PDB file of N, CA and C in Angstrom:
ATOM      1  N   MET A   1       0.645  -1.260   0.249  1.00  0.00           N
ATOM      2  CA  MET A   1      -0.226   0.114  -0.282  1.00  0.00           C
ATOM      3  C   MET A   1       1.056   1.011  -0.360  1.00  0.00           C
ATOM      4  N   GLN A   2       0.752   2.276  -0.795  1.00  0.00           N
ATOM      5  CA  GLN A   2       1.476   3.345  -0.831  1.00  0.00           C
ATOM      6  C   GLN A   2       0.700   4.740  -0.268  1.00  0.00           C
ATOM      7  N   THR A   3       1.743   5.369   0.304  1.00  0.00           N
ATOM      8  CA  THR A   3       1.343   6.693   1.166  1.00  0.00           C
ATOM      9  C   THR A   3       1.039   7.166   0.098  1.00  0.00           C
ATOM     10  N   ILE A   4       0.661   8.506   0.715  1.00  0.00           N
ATOM     11  CA  ILE A   4      -0.078   9.867  -0.324  1.00  0.00           C
ATOM     12  C   ILE A   4       1.274  10.173  -0.632  1.00  0.00           C
ATOM     13  N   HIS A   5       2.453  10.678   0.160  1.00  0.00           N
ATOM     14  CA  HIS A   5       3.151  11.466  -0.470  1.00  0.00           C
ATOM     15  C   HIS A   5       3.684  10.235  -1.429  1.00  0.00           C
ATOM     16  N   GLU A   6       4.206   8.979  -1.836  1.00  0.00           N
ATOM     17  CA  GLU A   6       4.390   8.267  -2.578  1.00  0.00           C
ATOM     18  C   GLU A   6       3.456   8.472  -4.021  1.00  0.00           C
ATOM     19  N   LYS A   7       2.175   8.343  -3.953  1.00  0.00           N
ATOM     20  CA  LYS A   7       1.124   8.610  -4.823  1.00  0.00           C
ATOM     21  C   LYS A   7       1.048  10.041  -5.353  1.00  0.00           C
ATOM     22  N   MET A   8       1.574  10.979  -4.439  1.00  0.00           N
ATOM     23  CA  MET A   8       1.873  12.224  -5.332  1.00  0.00           C
ATOM     24  C   MET A   8       2.749  12.751  -6.172  1.00  0.00           C
ATOM     25  N   ASN A   9       3.835  11.558  -5.479  1.00  0.00           N
ATOM     26  CA  ASN A   9       5.055  11.673  -6.476  1.00  0.00           C
ATOM     27  C   ASN A   9       4.823  10.724  -7.836  1.00  0.00           C
ATOM     28  N   ASN A  10       4.480   9.776  -7.617  1.00  0.00           N
ATOM     29  CA  ASN A  10       3.864   9.298  -8.946  1.00  0.00           C
ATOM     30  C   ASN A  10       3.162   9.847 -10.148  1.00  0.00           C
ATOM     31  N   LYS A  11       1.803  10.738  -9.215  1.00  0.00           N
ATOM     32  CA  LYS A  11       1.041  12.176 -10.312  1.00  0.00           C
ATOM     33  C   LYS A  11       2.025  13.072 -10.484  1.00  0.00           C
ATOM     34  N   ILE A  12       2.707  13.651  -9.790  1.00  0.00           N
ATOM     35  CA  ILE A  12       3.550  14.665  -9.933  1.00  0.00           C
ATOM     36  C   ILE A  12       4.918  14.733 -10.033  1.00  0.00           C
ATOM     37  N   GLY A  13       5.136  15.196 -11.027  1.00  0.00           N
ATOM     38  CA  GLY A  13       6.989  15.122 -10.877  1.00  0.00           C
ATOM     39  C   GLY A  13       7.769  16.096 -10.916  1.00  0.00           C
ATOM     40  N   PRO A  14       8.748  15.674 -10.580  1.00  0.00           N
ATOM     41  CA  PRO A  14       9.789  16.659 -10.012  1.00  0.00           C
ATOM     42  C   PRO A  14       9.617  17.908 -10.775  1.00  0.00           C
ATOM     43  N   THR A  15       9.709  17.995 -11.854  1.00  0.00           N
ATOM     44  CA  THR A  15       9.951  19.632 -12.745  1.00  0.00           C
ATOM     45  C   THR A  15       8.617  19.925 -12.130  1.00  0.00           C
ATOM     46  N   ALA A  16       7.735  19.565 -12.131  1.00  0.00           N
ATOM     47  CA  ALA A  16       6.401  20.217 -12.139  1.00  0.00           C
ATOM     48  C   ALA A  16       6.159  20.620 -10.608  1.00  0.00           C
ATOM     49  N   LYS A  17       7.253  20.087  -9.831  1.00  0.00           N
ATOM     50  CA  LYS A  17       7.233  20.355  -8.205  1.00  0.00           C
ATOM     51  C   LYS A  17       7.812  21.554  -7.900  1.00  0.00           C
ATOM     52  N   VAL A  18       8.931  22.146  -9.274  1.00  0.00           N
ATOM     53  CA  VAL A  18       9.643  23.155  -9.108  1.00  0.00           C
ATOM     54  C   VAL A  18       8.853  24.146  -9.751  1.00  0.00           C
ATOM     55  N   VAL A  19       8.406  23.699 -11.013  1.00  0.00           N
ATOM     56  CA  VAL A  19       7.886  24.835 -11.685  1.00  0.00           C
ATOM     57  C   VAL A  19       6.855  25.453 -11.332  1.00  0.00           C
ATOM     58  N   ILE A  20       5.593  24.904 -10.779  1.00  0.00           N
ATOM     59  CA  ILE A  20       4.319  25.478 -10.210  1.00  0.00           C
ATOM     60  C   ILE A  20       4.505  26.406  -9.150  1.00  0.00           C
ATOM     61  N   PRO A  21       5.567  26.277  -8.136  1.00  0.00           N
ATOM     62  CA  PRO A  21       5.819  27.051  -7.530  1.00  0.00           C
ATOM     63  C   PRO A  21       6.807  28.705  -7.669  1.00  0.00           C
ATOM     64  N   ILE A  22       7.345  28.461  -8.742  1.00  0.00           N
ATOM     65  CA  ILE A  22       8.219  29.484  -9.451  1.00  0.00           C
ATOM     66  C   ILE A  22       6.921  30.443 -10.377  1.00  0.00           C
ATOM     67  N   ILE A  23       5.759  29.874 -10.675  1.00  0.00           N
ATOM     68  CA  ILE A  23       5.496  30.699 -11.723  1.00  0.00           C
ATOM     69  C   ILE A  23       3.643  31.087 -10.650  1.00  0.00           C
ATOM     70  N   GLY A  24       3.832  30.050  -9.538  1.00  0.00           N
ATOM     71  CA  GLY A  24       2.952  31.629  -8.451  1.00  0.00           C
ATOM     72  C   GLY A  24       3.717  32.289  -8.070  1.00  0.00           C
ATOM     73  N   ALA A  25       4.802  32.433  -7.393  1.00  0.00           N
ATOM     74  CA  ALA A  25       5.482  33.263  -7.285  1.00  0.00           C
ATOM     75  C   ALA A  25       6.083  34.702  -8.501  1.00  0.00           C
ATOM     76  N   VAL A  26       6.049  34.279 -10.025  1.00  0.00           N
ATOM     77  CA  VAL A  26       5.734  35.090 -10.837  1.00  0.00           C
ATOM     78  C   VAL A  26       4.744  35.779 -10.970  1.00  0.00           C
ATOM     79  N   ILE A  27       3.614  35.063 -10.789  1.00  0.00           N
ATOM     80  CA  ILE A  27       1.937  35.681 -10.775  1.00  0.00           C
ATOM     81  C   ILE A  27       1.875  36.752  -9.667  1.00  0.00           C
ATOM     82  N   VAL A  28       2.333  36.466  -8.380  1.00  0.00           N
ATOM     83  CA  VAL A  28       2.579  37.438  -7.389  1.00  0.00           C
ATOM     84  C   VAL A  28       3.088  38.578  -7.555  1.00  0.00           C
ATOM     85  N   VAL A  29       4.249  38.763  -7.735  1.00  0.00           N
ATOM     86  CA  VAL A  29       5.212  40.053  -7.901  1.00  0.00           C
ATOM     87  C   VAL A  29       4.049  40.906  -9.603  1.00  0.00           C
ATOM     88  N   ALA A  30       3.967  39.920 -10.558  1.00  0.00           N
ATOM     89  CA  ALA A  30       3.316  40.931 -11.924  1.00  0.00           C
ATOM     90  C   ALA A  30       2.253  41.338 -10.917  1.00  0.00           C
ATOM     91  N   THR A  31       1.530  41.062 -10.404  1.00  0.00           N
ATOM     92  CA  THR A  31       0.084  41.311  -9.666  1.00  0.00           C
ATOM     93  C   THR A  31       0.556  42.727  -8.871  1.00  0.00           C
ATOM     94  N   ALA A  32       1.737  42.527  -8.440  1.00  0.00           N
ATOM     95  CA  ALA A  32       1.788  43.551  -7.095  1.00  0.00           C
ATOM     96  C   ALA A  32       2.352  44.712  -8.195  1.00  0.00           C
ATOM     97  N   VAL A  33       3.431  44.523  -8.669  1.00  0.00           N
ATOM     98  CA  VAL A  33       3.684  45.534 -10.240  1.00  0.00           C
ATOM     99  C   VAL A  33       2.528  46.078 -10.586  1.00  0.00           C
ATOM    100  N   ALA A  34       2.007  45.429 -11.140  1.00  0.00           N
ATOM    101  CA  ALA A  34       0.587  45.875 -12.067  1.00  0.00           C
ATOM    102  C   ALA A  34      -0.112  47.086 -10.861  1.00  0.00           C
ATOM    103  N   TYR A  35      -0.313  46.447  -9.738  1.00  0.00           N
ATOM    104  CA  TYR A  35      -1.379  47.395  -8.619  1.00  0.00           C
ATOM    105  C   TYR A  35      -0.213  48.773  -8.644  1.00  0.00           C
ATOM    106  N   ILE A  36       0.826  48.947  -8.310  1.00  0.00           N
ATOM    107  CA  ILE A  36       1.946  49.638  -8.339  1.00  0.00           C
ATOM    108  C   ILE A  36       2.059  50.549  -9.416  1.00  0.00           C
ATOM    109  N   CYS A  37       1.557  49.906 -10.275  1.00  0.00           N
ATOM    110  CA  CYS A  37       1.678  50.894 -11.633  1.00  0.00           C
ATOM    111  C   CYS A  37       0.206  51.660 -11.756  1.00  0.00           C
ATOM    112  N   MET A  38      -0.959  50.845 -11.672  1.00  0.00           N
ATOM    113  CA  MET A  38      -2.049  51.525 -11.563  1.00  0.00           C
ATOM    114  C   MET A  38      -2.034  52.797 -10.341  1.00  0.00           C
ATOM    115  N   LYS A  39      -1.692  52.412  -9.379  1.00  0.00           N
ATOM    116  CA  LYS A  39      -1.586  53.409  -7.819  1.00  0.00           C
ATOM    117  C   LYS A  39      -0.715  55.018  -9.152  1.00  0.00           C
ATOM    118  N   LEU A  40       0.310  54.608  -9.382  1.00  0.00           N
ATOM    119  CA  LEU A  40       0.724  55.357  -9.818  1.00  0.00           C
ATOM    120  C   LEU A  40       0.214  56.219 -11.037  1.00  0.00           C
ATOM    121  N   ALA A  41      -0.220  55.749 -11.724  1.00  0.00           N
ATOM    122  CA  ALA A  41      -0.753  56.059 -13.056  1.00  0.00           C
ATOM    123  C   ALA A  41      -2.228  57.180 -12.559  1.00  0.00           C
ATOM    124  N   ASP A  42      -2.628  56.471 -11.516  1.00  0.00           N
ATOM    125  CA  ASP A  42      -3.989  57.131 -10.914  1.00  0.00           C
ATOM    126  C   ASP A  42      -3.824  58.290 -10.180  1.00  0.00           C
ATOM    127  N   GLU A  43      -2.881  58.438  -9.308  1.00  0.00           N
ATOM    128  CA  GLU A  43      -1.887  59.578  -8.803  1.00  0.00           C
ATOM    129  C   GLU A  43      -1.184  61.015  -9.965  1.00  0.00           C
ATOM    130  N   MET A  44      -0.738  60.332 -10.793  1.00  0.00           N
ATOM    131  CA  MET A  44      -0.660  61.164 -11.678  1.00  0.00           C
ATOM    132  C   MET A  44      -1.724  62.038 -12.725  1.00  0.00           C
ATOM    133  N   ARG A  45      -2.801  60.820 -13.086  1.00  0.00           N
ATOM    134  CA  ARG A  45      -3.717  61.672 -13.797  1.00  0.00           C
ATOM    135  C   ARG A  45      -5.008  62.675 -12.254  1.00  0.00           C
ATOM    136  N   TYR A  46      -4.796  62.181 -11.495  1.00  0.00           N
ATOM    137  CA  TYR A  46      -5.224  63.246 -10.525  1.00  0.00           C
ATOM    138  C   TYR A  46      -4.994  64.754  -9.696  1.00  0.00           C
ATOM    139  N   ASN A  47      -3.340  64.231 -10.154  1.00  0.00           N
ATOM    140  CA  ASN A  47      -2.251  65.692  -9.682  1.00  0.00           C
ATOM    141  C   ASN A  47      -2.123  66.820 -11.241  1.00  0.00           C
ATOM    142  N   GLU A  48      -2.543  65.835 -12.651  1.00  0.00           N
ATOM    143  CA  GLU A  48      -2.671  66.330 -13.883  1.00  0.00           C
ATOM    144  C   GLU A  48      -4.264  67.336 -13.620  1.00  0.00           C
ATOM    145  N   LYS A  49      -4.975  66.814 -13.187  1.00  0.00           N
ATOM    146  CA  LYS A  49      -6.510  67.290 -13.195  1.00  0.00           C
ATOM    147  C   LYS A  49      -6.437  68.753 -12.417  1.00  0.00           C
ATOM    148  N   TRP A  50      -5.888  68.769 -11.028  1.00  0.00           N
ATOM    149  CA  TRP A  50      -6.067  69.442 -10.186  1.00  0.00           C
ATOM    150  C   TRP A  50      -4.497  70.555 -10.388  1.00  0.00           C
ATOM    151  N   LYS A  51      -3.654  70.351 -10.925  1.00  0.00           N
ATOM    152  CA  LYS A  51      -2.625  70.945 -10.938  1.00  0.00           C
ATOM    153  C   LYS A  51      -3.157  73.125 -10.851  1.00  0.00           C
ATOM    154  N   ASP A  52      -3.577  73.093 -12.291  1.00  0.00           N
ATOM    155  CA  ASP A  52      -3.744  74.562 -12.233  1.00  0.00           C
ATOM    156  C   ASP A  52      -4.598  75.496 -10.663  1.00  0.00           C
ATOM    157  N   TYR A  53      -5.606  74.068 -10.019  1.00  0.00           N
ATOM    158  CA  TYR A  53      -5.927  74.947  -9.015  1.00  0.00           C
ATOM    159  C   TYR A  53      -4.922  75.161  -7.893  1.00  0.00           C
ATOM    160  N   ASP A  54      -3.761  74.479  -8.366  1.00  0.00           N
ATOM    161  CA  ASP A  54      -3.180  74.635  -6.848  1.00  0.00           C
ATOM    162  C   ASP A  54      -2.399  75.867  -7.083  1.00  0.00           C
ATOM    163  N   GLU A  55      -2.090  76.562  -7.440  1.00  0.00           N
ATOM    164  CA  GLU A  55      -1.639  77.730  -7.626  1.00  0.00           C
ATOM    165  C   GLU A  55      -3.096  79.115  -7.301  1.00  0.00           C
ATOM    166  N   CYS A  56      -3.931  78.972  -7.712  1.00  0.00           N
ATOM    167  CA  CYS A  56      -4.795  79.445  -7.113  1.00  0.00           C
ATOM    168  C   CYS A  56      -5.926  79.798  -5.440  1.00  0.00           C
ATOM    169  N   GLY A  57      -5.469  78.542  -4.936  1.00  0.00           N
ATOM    170  CA  GLY A  57      -5.522  78.313  -3.605  1.00  0.00           C
ATOM    171  C   GLY A  57      -7.078  77.672  -3.591  1.00  0.00           C
ATOM    172  N   TRP A  58      -7.396  77.242  -4.841  1.00  0.00           N
ATOM    173  CA  TRP A  58      -8.978  76.424  -4.575  1.00  0.00           C
ATOM    174  C   TRP A  58      -8.921  74.813  -3.466  1.00  0.00           C
ATOM    175  N   HIS A  59      -7.399  74.584  -4.541  1.00  0.00           N
ATOM    176  CA  HIS A  59      -7.030  73.147  -3.892  1.00  0.00           C
ATOM    177  C   HIS A  59      -6.152  72.900  -2.644  1.00  0.00           C
TER     178      HIS A  59
END
């Protein structure tokens, strides 16, 4: 009778055990970078919208 660990080794090869965590890490990093870029772009749009009012004291 095989243990669960032995069954997992038979179903998932050693390459997949290395590749899957790497792909997960790349997805997490890409998501974080995309979030930061979107926040920076939003902040730049906001500042561009209100830059004319900074000089006159309305904002």
